[in-house]
């Protein structure tokens, strides 16, 4: 089941926003090419809900977000931390239908 979050135009490319989905904070990112990713907003290193404030980029061929606190990079597709293979964030399936961003709930 997918939950309507916003429209694609509500998301500014390269900036994150957070949303509450089934009681979980989710960080949502729209990249320059309009791909949208959803990943857990909780940073396990700083123990804070701050991932949505991170900077997106490409590192080692992966689309990533850097945690704003300690700068670990998380793969936006898989949630895997590039600096610590034992750590990963939950990811959420995203669909865009008629300019509406839907995230798997």
PDB file of N, CA and C in Angstrom:
ATOM      1  N   UNK A   1       0.839  -1.171   0.000  1.00  0.00           N
ATOM      2  CA  UNK A   1       0.000   0.000   0.000  1.00  0.00           C
ATOM      3  C   UNK A   1       0.894   1.248   0.000  1.00  0.00           C
ATOM      4  N   UNK A   2       0.561   2.189  -0.824  1.00  0.00           N
ATOM      5  CA  UNK A   2       1.332   3.432  -0.934  1.00  0.00           C
ATOM      6  C   UNK A   2       0.553   4.588  -0.336  1.00  0.00           C
ATOM      7  N   UNK A   3       1.279   5.510   0.274  1.00  0.00           N
ATOM      8  CA  UNK A   3       0.682   6.687   0.891  1.00  0.00           C
ATOM      9  C   UNK A   3       1.078   7.929   0.111  1.00  0.00           C
ATOM     10  N   UNK A   4       0.099   8.785  -0.181  1.00  0.00           N
ATOM     11  CA  UNK A   4       0.375  10.048  -0.856  1.00  0.00           C
ATOM     12  C   UNK A   4       1.115  10.962   0.115  1.00  0.00           C
ATOM     13  N   UNK A   5       2.239  11.529  -0.369  1.00  0.00           N
ATOM     14  CA  UNK A   5       3.054  12.392   0.480  1.00  0.00           C
ATOM     15  C   UNK A   5       2.947  13.855   0.051  1.00  0.00           C
ATOM     16  N   UNK A   6       3.156  14.110  -1.236  1.00  0.00           N
ATOM     17  CA  UNK A   6       3.156  15.475  -1.760  1.00  0.00           C
ATOM     18  C   UNK A   6       3.190  15.386  -3.283  1.00  0.00           C
ATOM     19  N   UNK A   7       3.321  16.520  -3.953  1.00  0.00           N
ATOM     20  CA  UNK A   7       3.546  16.489  -5.391  1.00  0.00           C
ATOM     21  C   UNK A   7       5.045  16.582  -5.642  1.00  0.00           C
ATOM     22  N   UNK A   8       5.464  16.205  -6.818  1.00  0.00           N
ATOM     23  CA  UNK A   8       6.882  16.287  -7.175  1.00  0.00           C
ATOM     24  C   UNK A   8       7.361  17.733  -7.074  1.00  0.00           C
ATOM     25  N   UNK A   9       6.527  18.678  -7.487  1.00  0.00           N
ATOM     26  CA  UNK A   9       6.907  20.090  -7.442  1.00  0.00           C
ATOM     27  C   UNK A   9       7.028  20.641  -6.020  1.00  0.00           C
ATOM     28  N   UNK A  10       6.477  19.931  -5.036  1.00  0.00           N
ATOM     29  CA  UNK A  10       6.641  20.341  -3.642  1.00  0.00           C
ATOM     30  C   UNK A  10       8.059  20.068  -3.137  1.00  0.00           C
ATOM     31  N   UNK A  11       8.783  19.203  -3.842  1.00  0.00           N
ATOM     32  CA  UNK A  11      10.139  18.831  -3.436  1.00  0.00           C
ATOM     33  C   UNK A  11      11.158  19.637  -4.225  1.00  0.00           C
ATOM     34  N   UNK A  12      12.055  20.297  -3.527  1.00  0.00           N
ATOM     35  CA  UNK A  12      13.122  21.061  -4.171  1.00  0.00           C
ATOM     36  C   UNK A  12      14.283  20.128  -4.469  1.00  0.00           C
ATOM     37  N   UNK A  13      14.739  20.083  -5.729  1.00  0.00           N
ATOM     38  CA  UNK A  13      15.868  19.202  -6.051  1.00  0.00           C
ATOM     39  C   UNK A  13      17.071  19.448  -5.145  1.00  0.00           C
ATOM     40  N   UNK A  14      17.665  18.352  -4.700  1.00  0.00           N
ATOM     41  CA  UNK A  14      18.879  18.341  -3.880  1.00  0.00           C
ATOM     42  C   UNK A  14      18.638  18.675  -2.414  1.00  0.00           C
ATOM     43  N   UNK A  15      17.398  18.951  -2.008  1.00  0.00           N
ATOM     44  CA  UNK A  15      17.097  19.220  -0.610  1.00  0.00           C
ATOM     45  C   UNK A  15      16.152  18.158  -0.077  1.00  0.00           C
ATOM     46  N   UNK A  16      16.330  17.808   1.178  1.00  0.00           N
ATOM     47  CA  UNK A  16      15.482  16.797   1.789  1.00  0.00           C
ATOM     48  C   UNK A  16      14.349  17.398   2.595  1.00  0.00           C
ATOM     49  N   UNK A  17      13.316  16.599   2.777  1.00  0.00           N
ATOM     50  CA  UNK A  17      12.200  16.927   3.666  1.00  0.00           C
ATOM     51  C   UNK A  17      11.885  15.664   4.456  1.00  0.00           C
ATOM     52  N   UNK A  18      11.194  15.833   5.555  1.00  0.00           N
ATOM     53  CA  UNK A  18      10.798  14.655   6.321  1.00  0.00           C
ATOM     54  C   UNK A  18       9.282  14.517   6.317  1.00  0.00           C
ATOM     55  N   UNK A  19       8.851  13.283   6.456  1.00  0.00           N
ATOM     56  CA  UNK A  19       7.419  12.973   6.520  1.00  0.00           C
ATOM     57  C   UNK A  19       7.231  11.869   7.549  1.00  0.00           C
ATOM     58  N   UNK A  20       6.058  11.803   8.103  1.00  0.00           N
ATOM     59  CA  UNK A  20       5.724  10.766   9.058  1.00  0.00           C
ATOM     60  C   UNK A  20       4.890   9.708   8.348  1.00  0.00           C
ATOM     61  N   UNK A  21       5.398   8.490   8.297  1.00  0.00           N
ATOM     62  CA  UNK A  21       4.709   7.387   7.636  1.00  0.00           C
ATOM     63  C   UNK A  21       4.573   6.241   8.632  1.00  0.00           C
ATOM     64  N   UNK A  22       3.348   5.934   8.998  1.00  0.00           N
ATOM     65  CA  UNK A  22       3.075   4.888   9.988  1.00  0.00           C
ATOM     66  C   UNK A  22       3.899   5.071  11.255  1.00  0.00           C
ATOM     67  N   UNK A  23       4.017   6.303  11.719  1.00  0.00           N
ATOM     68  CA  UNK A  23       4.733   6.589  12.955  1.00  0.00           C
ATOM     69  C   UNK A  23       6.243   6.642  12.826  1.00  0.00           C
ATOM     70  N   UNK A  24       6.776   6.483  11.620  1.00  0.00           N
ATOM     71  CA  UNK A  24       8.221   6.531  11.400  1.00  0.00           C
ATOM     72  C   UNK A  24       8.586   7.788  10.620  1.00  0.00           C
ATOM     73  N   UNK A  25       9.663   8.463  11.043  1.00  0.00           N
ATOM     74  CA  UNK A  25      10.140   9.623  10.298  1.00  0.00           C
ATOM     75  C   UNK A  25      10.932   9.142   9.087  1.00  0.00           C
ATOM     76  N   UNK A  26      10.570   9.677   7.929  1.00  0.00           N
ATOM     77  CA  UNK A  26      11.196   9.290   6.664  1.00  0.00           C
ATOM     78  C   UNK A  26      11.772  10.540   6.008  1.00  0.00           C
ATOM     79  N   UNK A  27      13.007  10.436   5.513  1.00  0.00           N
ATOM     80  CA  UNK A  27      13.647  11.530   4.781  1.00  0.00           C
ATOM     81  C   UNK A  27      13.408  11.298   3.296  1.00  0.00           C
ATOM     82  N   UNK A  28      12.940  12.331   2.597  1.00  0.00           N
ATOM     83  CA  UNK A  28      12.613  12.221   1.174  1.00  0.00           C
ATOM     84  C   UNK A  28      13.497  13.189   0.403  1.00  0.00           C
ATOM     85  N   UNK A  29      14.104  12.680  -0.665  1.00  0.00           N
ATOM     86  CA  UNK A  29      15.011  13.487  -1.474  1.00  0.00           C
ATOM     87  C   UNK A  29      14.631  13.399  -2.942  1.00  0.00           C
ATOM     88  N   UNK A  30      14.590  14.560  -3.594  1.00  0.00           N
ATOM     89  CA  UNK A  30      14.411  14.638  -5.049  1.00  0.00           C
ATOM     90  C   UNK A  30      15.753  15.086  -5.627  1.00  0.00           C
ATOM     91  N   UNK A  31      16.276  14.289  -6.561  1.00  0.00           N
ATOM     92  CA  UNK A  31      17.541  14.636  -7.190  1.00  0.00           C
ATOM     93  C   UNK A  31      17.290  15.533  -8.404  1.00  0.00           C
ATOM     94  N   UNK A  32      18.366  16.047  -8.979  1.00  0.00           N
ATOM     95  CA  UNK A  32      18.248  16.977 -10.116  1.00  0.00           C
ATOM     96  C   UNK A  32      17.508  16.367 -11.298  1.00  0.00           C
ATOM     97  N   UNK A  33      17.626  15.039 -11.466  1.00  0.00           N
ATOM     98  CA  UNK A  33      16.977  14.371 -12.598  1.00  0.00           C
ATOM     99  C   UNK A  33      15.567  13.875 -12.255  1.00  0.00           C
ATOM    100  N   UNK A  34      15.015  14.358 -11.150  1.00  0.00           N
ATOM    101  CA  UNK A  34      13.658  14.061 -10.676  1.00  0.00           C
ATOM    102  C   UNK A  34      13.476  12.660 -10.101  1.00  0.00           C
ATOM    103  N   UNK A  35      14.554  11.904  -9.905  1.00  0.00           N
ATOM    104  CA  UNK A  35      14.408  10.656  -9.160  1.00  0.00           C
ATOM    105  C   UNK A  35      14.163  11.020  -7.702  1.00  0.00           C
ATOM    106  N   UNK A  36      13.299  10.262  -7.047  1.00  0.00           N
ATOM    107  CA  UNK A  36      12.956  10.527  -5.655  1.00  0.00           C
ATOM    108  C   UNK A  36      13.282   9.283  -4.829  1.00  0.00           C
ATOM    109  N   UNK A  37      13.920   9.521  -3.684  1.00  0.00           N
ATOM    110  CA  UNK A  37      14.285   8.448  -2.764  1.00  0.00           C
ATOM    111  C   UNK A  37      13.688   8.729  -1.397  1.00  0.00           C
ATOM    112  N   UNK A  38      13.363   7.665  -0.668  1.00  0.00           N
ATOM    113  CA  UNK A  38      12.878   7.780   0.697  1.00  0.00           C
ATOM    114  C   UNK A  38      13.690   6.825   1.565  1.00  0.00           C
ATOM    115  N   UNK A  39      14.207   7.365   2.663  1.00  0.00           N
ATOM    116  CA  UNK A  39      15.100   6.622   3.537  1.00  0.00           C
ATOM    117  C   UNK A  39      14.794   7.035   4.979  1.00  0.00           C
ATOM    118  N   UNK A  40      15.073   6.166   5.932  1.00  0.00           N
ATOM    119  CA  UNK A  40      14.817   6.499   7.337  1.00  0.00           C
ATOM    120  C   UNK A  40      15.500   7.814   7.707  1.00  0.00           C
ATOM    121  N   UNK A  41      14.836   8.632   8.480  1.00  0.00           N
ATOM    122  CA  UNK A  41      15.371   9.925   8.879  1.00  0.00           C
ATOM    123  C   UNK A  41      16.286   9.814  10.101  1.00  0.00           C
ATOM    124  N   UNK A  42      16.296   8.673  10.774  1.00  0.00           N
ATOM    125  CA  UNK A  42      17.067   8.496  12.006  1.00  0.00           C
ATOM    126  C   UNK A  42      18.516   8.147  11.693  1.00  0.00           C
ATOM    127  N   UNK A  43      19.429   8.992  12.160  1.00  0.00           N
ATOM    128  CA  UNK A  43      20.864   8.766  11.997  1.00  0.00           C
ATOM    129  C   UNK A  43      21.356   7.925  13.168  1.00  0.00           C
ATOM    130  N   UNK A  44      21.787   6.684  12.916  1.00  0.00           N
ATOM    131  CA  UNK A  44      22.211   5.817  14.021  1.00  0.00           C
ATOM    132  C   UNK A  44      23.503   6.278  14.704  1.00  0.00           C
ATOM    133  N   UNK A  45      24.286   7.104  14.048  1.00  0.00           N
ATOM    134  CA  UNK A  45      25.542   7.557  14.644  1.00  0.00           C
ATOM    135  C   UNK A  45      25.320   8.691  15.642  1.00  0.00           C
ATOM    136  N   UNK A  46      24.447   9.628  15.316  1.00  0.00           N
ATOM    137  CA  UNK A  46      24.173  10.747  16.227  1.00  0.00           C
ATOM    138  C   UNK A  46      22.933  10.505  17.083  1.00  0.00           C
ATOM    139  N   UNK A  47      22.176   9.442  16.761  1.00  0.00           N
ATOM    140  CA  UNK A  47      20.946   9.103  17.477  1.00  0.00           C
ATOM    141  C   UNK A  47      19.903  10.221  17.389  1.00  0.00           C
ATOM    142  N   UNK A  48      19.827  10.852  16.209  1.00  0.00           N
ATOM    143  CA  UNK A  48      18.879  11.957  16.011  1.00  0.00           C
ATOM    144  C   UNK A  48      18.199  11.820  14.650  1.00  0.00           C
ATOM    145  N   UNK A  49      17.000  12.363  14.537  1.00  0.00           N
ATOM    146  CA  UNK A  49      16.253  12.364  13.276  1.00  0.00           C
ATOM    147  C   UNK A  49      16.698  13.565  12.437  1.00  0.00           C
ATOM    148  N   UNK A  50      17.800  13.396  11.686  1.00  0.00           N
ATOM    149  CA  UNK A  50      18.403  14.521  10.964  1.00  0.00           C
ATOM    150  C   UNK A  50      18.792  14.215   9.520  1.00  0.00           C
ATOM    151  N   UNK A  51      18.590  13.010   9.057  1.00  0.00           N
ATOM    152  CA  UNK A  51      19.050  12.643   7.709  1.00  0.00           C
ATOM    153  C   UNK A  51      18.441  13.550   6.643  1.00  0.00           C
ATOM    154  N   UNK A  52      17.201  14.001   6.830  1.00  0.00           N
ATOM    155  CA  UNK A  52      16.560  14.862   5.827  1.00  0.00           C
ATOM    156  C   UNK A  52      17.293  16.185   5.654  1.00  0.00           C
ATOM    157  N   UNK A  53      18.128  16.558   6.594  1.00  0.00           N
ATOM    158  CA  UNK A  53      18.903  17.798   6.511  1.00  0.00           C
ATOM    159  C   UNK A  53      20.270  17.585   5.852  1.00  0.00           C
ATOM    160  N   UNK A  54      20.537  16.349   5.424  1.00  0.00           N
ATOM    161  CA  UNK A  54      21.822  16.013   4.823  1.00  0.00           C
ATOM    162  C   UNK A  54      21.978  16.530   3.406  1.00  0.00           C
ATOM    163  N   UNK A  55      23.204  16.453   2.923  1.00  0.00           N
ATOM    164  CA  UNK A  55      23.537  16.908   1.573  1.00  0.00           C
ATOM    165  C   UNK A  55      23.591  15.698   0.654  1.00  0.00           C
ATOM    166  N   UNK A  56      22.900  15.797  -0.486  1.00  0.00           N
ATOM    167  CA  UNK A  56      22.930  14.701  -1.455  1.00  0.00           C
ATOM    168  C   UNK A  56      24.107  14.879  -2.407  1.00  0.00           C
ATOM    169  N   UNK A  57      24.520  13.780  -2.994  1.00  0.00           N
ATOM    170  CA  UNK A  57      25.613  13.819  -3.953  1.00  0.00           C
ATOM    171  C   UNK A  57      25.841  12.442  -4.528  1.00  0.00           C
ATOM    172  N   UNK A  58      26.967  12.286  -5.187  1.00  0.00           N
ATOM    173  CA  UNK A  58      27.346  11.003  -5.766  1.00  0.00           C
ATOM    174  C   UNK A  58      28.744  10.676  -5.271  1.00  0.00           C
ATOM    175  N   UNK A  59      28.892   9.498  -4.673  1.00  0.00           N
ATOM    176  CA  UNK A  59      30.170   9.079  -4.110  1.00  0.00           C
ATOM    177  C   UNK A  59      30.406   7.631  -4.500  1.00  0.00           C
ATOM    178  N   UNK A  60      31.536   7.369  -5.115  1.00  0.00           N
ATOM    179  CA  UNK A  60      31.902   6.018  -5.548  1.00  0.00           C
ATOM    180  C   UNK A  60      30.845   5.425  -6.481  1.00  0.00           C
ATOM    181  N   UNK A  61      30.182   6.294  -7.253  1.00  0.00           N
ATOM    182  CA  UNK A  61      29.174   5.837  -8.201  1.00  0.00           C
ATOM    183  C   UNK A  61      27.790   5.636  -7.615  1.00  0.00           C
ATOM    184  N   UNK A  62      27.598   5.990  -6.362  1.00  0.00           N
ATOM    185  CA  UNK A  62      26.304   5.811  -5.695  1.00  0.00           C
ATOM    186  C   UNK A  62      25.677   7.170  -5.384  1.00  0.00           C
ATOM    187  N   UNK A  63      24.355   7.258  -5.546  1.00  0.00           N
ATOM    188  CA  UNK A  63      23.624   8.433  -5.078  1.00  0.00           C
ATOM    189  C   UNK A  63      23.548   8.310  -3.560  1.00  0.00           C
ATOM    190  N   UNK A  64      24.014   9.333  -2.846  1.00  0.00           N
ATOM    191  CA  UNK A  64      24.113   9.258  -1.396  1.00  0.00           C
ATOM    192  C   UNK A  64      23.562  10.514  -0.743  1.00  0.00           C
ATOM    193  N   UNK A  65      23.331  10.391   0.562  1.00  0.00           N
ATOM    194  CA  UNK A  65      23.085  11.541   1.423  1.00  0.00           C
ATOM    195  C   UNK A  65      24.125  11.461   2.530  1.00  0.00           C
ATOM    196  N   UNK A  66      24.735  12.604   2.839  1.00  0.00           N
ATOM    197  CA  UNK A  66      25.701  12.680   3.923  1.00  0.00           C
ATOM    198  C   UNK A  66      24.981  13.171   5.174  1.00  0.00           C
ATOM    199  N   UNK A  67      25.137  12.446   6.248  1.00  0.00           N
ATOM    200  CA  UNK A  67      24.542  12.871   7.508  1.00  0.00           C
ATOM    201  C   UNK A  67      25.091  14.237   7.890  1.00  0.00           C
ATOM    202  N   UNK A  68      24.221  15.158   8.305  1.00  0.00           N
ATOM    203  CA  UNK A  68      24.700  16.497   8.641  1.00  0.00           C
ATOM    204  C   UNK A  68      25.524  16.543   9.931  1.00  0.00           C
ATOM    205  N   UNK A  69      25.460  15.494  10.738  1.00  0.00           N
ATOM    206  CA  UNK A  69      26.174  15.533  12.017  1.00  0.00           C
ATOM    207  C   UNK A  69      27.613  15.032  11.881  1.00  0.00           C
ATOM    208  N   UNK A  70      27.789  13.768  11.545  1.00  0.00           N
ATOM    209  CA  UNK A  70      29.137  13.188  11.503  1.00  0.00           C
ATOM    210  C   UNK A  70      29.596  12.840  10.094  1.00  0.00           C
ATOM    211  N   UNK A  71      28.773  13.157   9.109  1.00  0.00           N
ATOM    212  CA  UNK A  71      29.126  13.079   7.685  1.00  0.00           C
ATOM    213  C   UNK A  71      29.227  11.675   7.093  1.00  0.00           C
ATOM    214  N   UNK A  72      28.674  10.658   7.748  1.00  0.00           N
ATOM    215  CA  UNK A  72      28.640   9.348   7.100  1.00  0.00           C
ATOM    216  C   UNK A  72      27.734   9.438   5.886  1.00  0.00           C
ATOM    217  N   UNK A  73      28.078   8.680   4.848  1.00  0.00           N
ATOM    218  CA  UNK A  73      27.310   8.678   3.602  1.00  0.00           C
ATOM    219  C   UNK A  73      26.435   7.429   3.534  1.00  0.00           C
ATOM    220  N   UNK A  74      25.167   7.640   3.186  1.00  0.00           N
ATOM    221  CA  UNK A  74      24.225   6.531   3.055  1.00  0.00           C
ATOM    222  C   UNK A  74      23.743   6.451   1.617  1.00  0.00           C
ATOM    223  N   UNK A  75      23.812   5.240   1.045  1.00  0.00           N
ATOM    224  CA  UNK A  75      23.328   4.982  -0.305  1.00  0.00           C
ATOM    225  C   UNK A  75      21.812   5.185  -0.301  1.00  0.00           C
ATOM    226  N   UNK A  76      21.319   6.085  -1.143  1.00  0.00           N
ATOM    227  CA  UNK A  76      19.891   6.392  -1.164  1.00  0.00           C
ATOM    228  C   UNK A  76      19.038   5.226  -1.667  1.00  0.00           C
ATOM    229  N   UNK A  77      19.613   4.357  -2.462  1.00  0.00           N
ATOM    230  CA  UNK A  77      18.860   3.221  -2.999  1.00  0.00           C
ATOM    231  C   UNK A  77      18.771   2.068  -2.005  1.00  0.00           C
ATOM    232  N   UNK A  78      19.879   1.770  -1.330  1.00  0.00           N
ATOM    233  CA  UNK A  78      19.937   0.599  -0.448  1.00  0.00           C
ATOM    234  C   UNK A  78      19.941   0.936   1.039  1.00  0.00           C
ATOM    235  N   UNK A  79      20.282   2.176   1.396  1.00  0.00           N
ATOM    236  CA  UNK A  79      20.395   2.566   2.792  1.00  0.00           C
ATOM    237  C   UNK A  79      21.735   2.230   3.420  1.00  0.00           C
ATOM    238  N   UNK A  80      22.597   1.538   2.694  1.00  0.00           N
ATOM    239  CA  UNK A  80      23.899   1.101   3.220  1.00  0.00           C
ATOM    240  C   UNK A  80      24.818   2.290   3.510  1.00  0.00           C
ATOM    241  N   UNK A  81      25.473   2.260   4.665  1.00  0.00           N
ATOM    242  CA  UNK A  81      26.465   3.278   5.011  1.00  0.00           C
ATOM    243  C   UNK A  81      27.763   2.934   4.286  1.00  0.00           C
ATOM    244  N   UNK A  82      28.318   3.882   3.564  1.00  0.00           N
ATOM    245  CA  UNK A  82      29.536   3.616   2.805  1.00  0.00           C
ATOM    246  C   UNK A  82      30.763   3.501   3.695  1.00  0.00           C
ATOM    247  N   UNK A  83      30.747   4.134   4.851  1.00  0.00           N
ATOM    248  CA  UNK A  83      31.894   4.088   5.746  1.00  0.00           C
ATOM    249  C   UNK A  83      31.857   2.919   6.729  1.00  0.00           C
ATOM    250  N   UNK A  84      30.693   2.314   6.944  1.00  0.00           N
ATOM    251  CA  UNK A  84      30.548   1.223   7.911  1.00  0.00           C
ATOM    252  C   UNK A  84      29.544   0.215   7.370  1.00  0.00           C
ATOM    253  N   UNK A  85      30.042  -0.878   6.816  1.00  0.00           N
ATOM    254  CA  UNK A  85      29.190  -1.882   6.170  1.00  0.00           C
ATOM    255  C   UNK A  85      28.190  -2.535   7.127  1.00  0.00           C
ATOM    256  N   UNK A  86      28.416  -2.412   8.428  1.00  0.00           N
ATOM    257  CA  UNK A  86      27.518  -3.016   9.404  1.00  0.00           C
ATOM    258  C   UNK A  86      26.282  -2.157   9.666  1.00  0.00           C
ATOM    259  N   UNK A  87      26.247  -0.949   9.100  1.00  0.00           N
ATOM    260  CA  UNK A  87      25.148  -0.014   9.370  1.00  0.00           C
ATOM    261  C   UNK A  87      24.387   0.295   8.085  1.00  0.00           C
ATOM    262  N   UNK A  88      23.075   0.246   8.172  1.00  0.00           N
ATOM    263  CA  UNK A  88      22.253   0.659   7.031  1.00  0.00           C
ATOM    264  C   UNK A  88      20.950   1.248   7.556  1.00  0.00           C
ATOM    265  N   UNK A  89      20.336   2.080   6.722  1.00  0.00           N
ATOM    266  CA  UNK A  89      19.054   2.693   7.049  1.00  0.00           C
ATOM    267  C   UNK A  89      17.959   2.015   6.243  1.00  0.00           C
ATOM    268  N   UNK A  90      16.769   1.986   6.787  1.00  0.00           N
ATOM    269  CA  UNK A  90      15.622   1.438   6.078  1.00  0.00           C
ATOM    270  C   UNK A  90      15.309   2.325   4.880  1.00  0.00           C
ATOM    271  N   UNK A  91      14.994   1.725   3.758  1.00  0.00           N
ATOM    272  CA  UNK A  91      14.581   2.466   2.579  1.00  0.00           C
ATOM    273  C   UNK A  91      13.117   2.149   2.288  1.00  0.00           C
ATOM    274  N   UNK A  92      12.486   3.037   1.540  1.00  0.00           N
ATOM    275  CA  UNK A  92      11.070   2.907   1.219  1.00  0.00           C
ATOM    276  C   UNK A  92      10.890   3.009  -0.289  1.00  0.00           C
ATOM    277  N   UNK A  93      10.040   2.168  -0.834  1.00  0.00           N
ATOM    278  CA  UNK A  93       9.746   2.228  -2.268  1.00  0.00           C
ATOM    279  C   UNK A  93       8.981   3.512  -2.563  1.00  0.00           C
ATOM    280  N   UNK A  94       9.333   4.146  -3.684  1.00  0.00           N
ATOM    281  CA  UNK A  94       8.712   5.409  -4.090  1.00  0.00           C
ATOM    282  C   UNK A  94       8.140   5.252  -5.491  1.00  0.00           C
ATOM    283  N   UNK A  95       6.958   5.793  -5.708  1.00  0.00           N
ATOM    284  CA  UNK A  95       6.358   5.861  -7.043  1.00  0.00           C
ATOM    285  C   UNK A  95       5.895   7.278  -7.283  1.00  0.00           C
ATOM    286  N   UNK A  96       5.945   7.690  -8.550  1.00  0.00           N
ATOM    287  CA  UNK A  96       5.412   8.985  -8.947  1.00  0.00           C
ATOM    288  C   UNK A  96       4.279   8.707  -9.926  1.00  0.00           C
ATOM    289  N   UNK A  97       3.088   9.169  -9.592  1.00  0.00           N
ATOM    290  CA  UNK A  97       1.922   8.991 -10.465  1.00  0.00           C
ATOM    291  C   UNK A  97       1.237  10.345 -10.633  1.00  0.00           C
ATOM    292  N   UNK A  98       1.162  10.801 -11.869  1.00  0.00           N
ATOM    293  CA  UNK A  98       0.518  12.095 -12.160  1.00  0.00           C
ATOM    294  C   UNK A  98       1.067  13.201 -11.256  1.00  0.00           C
ATOM    295  N   UNK A  99       2.386  13.250 -11.134  1.00  0.00           N
ATOM    296  CA  UNK A  99       3.101  14.272 -10.355  1.00  0.00           C
ATOM    297  C   UNK A  99       2.906  14.112  -8.846  1.00  0.00           C
ATOM    298  N   UNK A 100       2.293  13.037  -8.393  1.00  0.00           N
ATOM    299  CA  UNK A 100       2.086  12.785  -6.963  1.00  0.00           C
ATOM    300  C   UNK A 100       3.144  11.787  -6.491  1.00  0.00           C
ATOM    301  N   UNK A 101       3.815  12.124  -5.371  1.00  0.00           N
ATOM    302  CA  UNK A 101       4.825  11.242  -4.785  1.00  0.00           C
ATOM    303  C   UNK A 101       4.132  10.302  -3.819  1.00  0.00           C
ATOM    304  N   UNK A 102       4.289   9.023  -4.074  1.00  0.00           N
ATOM    305  CA  UNK A 102       3.692   7.973  -3.241  1.00  0.00           C
ATOM    306  C   UNK A 102       4.819   7.153  -2.636  1.00  0.00           C
ATOM    307  N   UNK A 103       4.712   6.854  -1.334  1.00  0.00           N
ATOM    308  CA  UNK A 103       5.734   6.070  -0.653  1.00  0.00           C
ATOM    309  C   UNK A 103       5.067   4.860  -0.014  1.00  0.00           C
ATOM    310  N   UNK A 104       5.743   3.709  -0.145  1.00  0.00           N
ATOM    311  CA  UNK A 104       5.199   2.468   0.417  1.00  0.00           C
ATOM    312  C   UNK A 104       5.071   2.609   1.927  1.00  0.00           C
ATOM    313  N   UNK A 105       3.886   2.316   2.413  1.00  0.00           N
ATOM    314  CA  UNK A 105       3.626   2.456   3.853  1.00  0.00           C
ATOM    315  C   UNK A 105       3.646   1.095   4.521  1.00  0.00           C
TER     316      UNK A 105
END
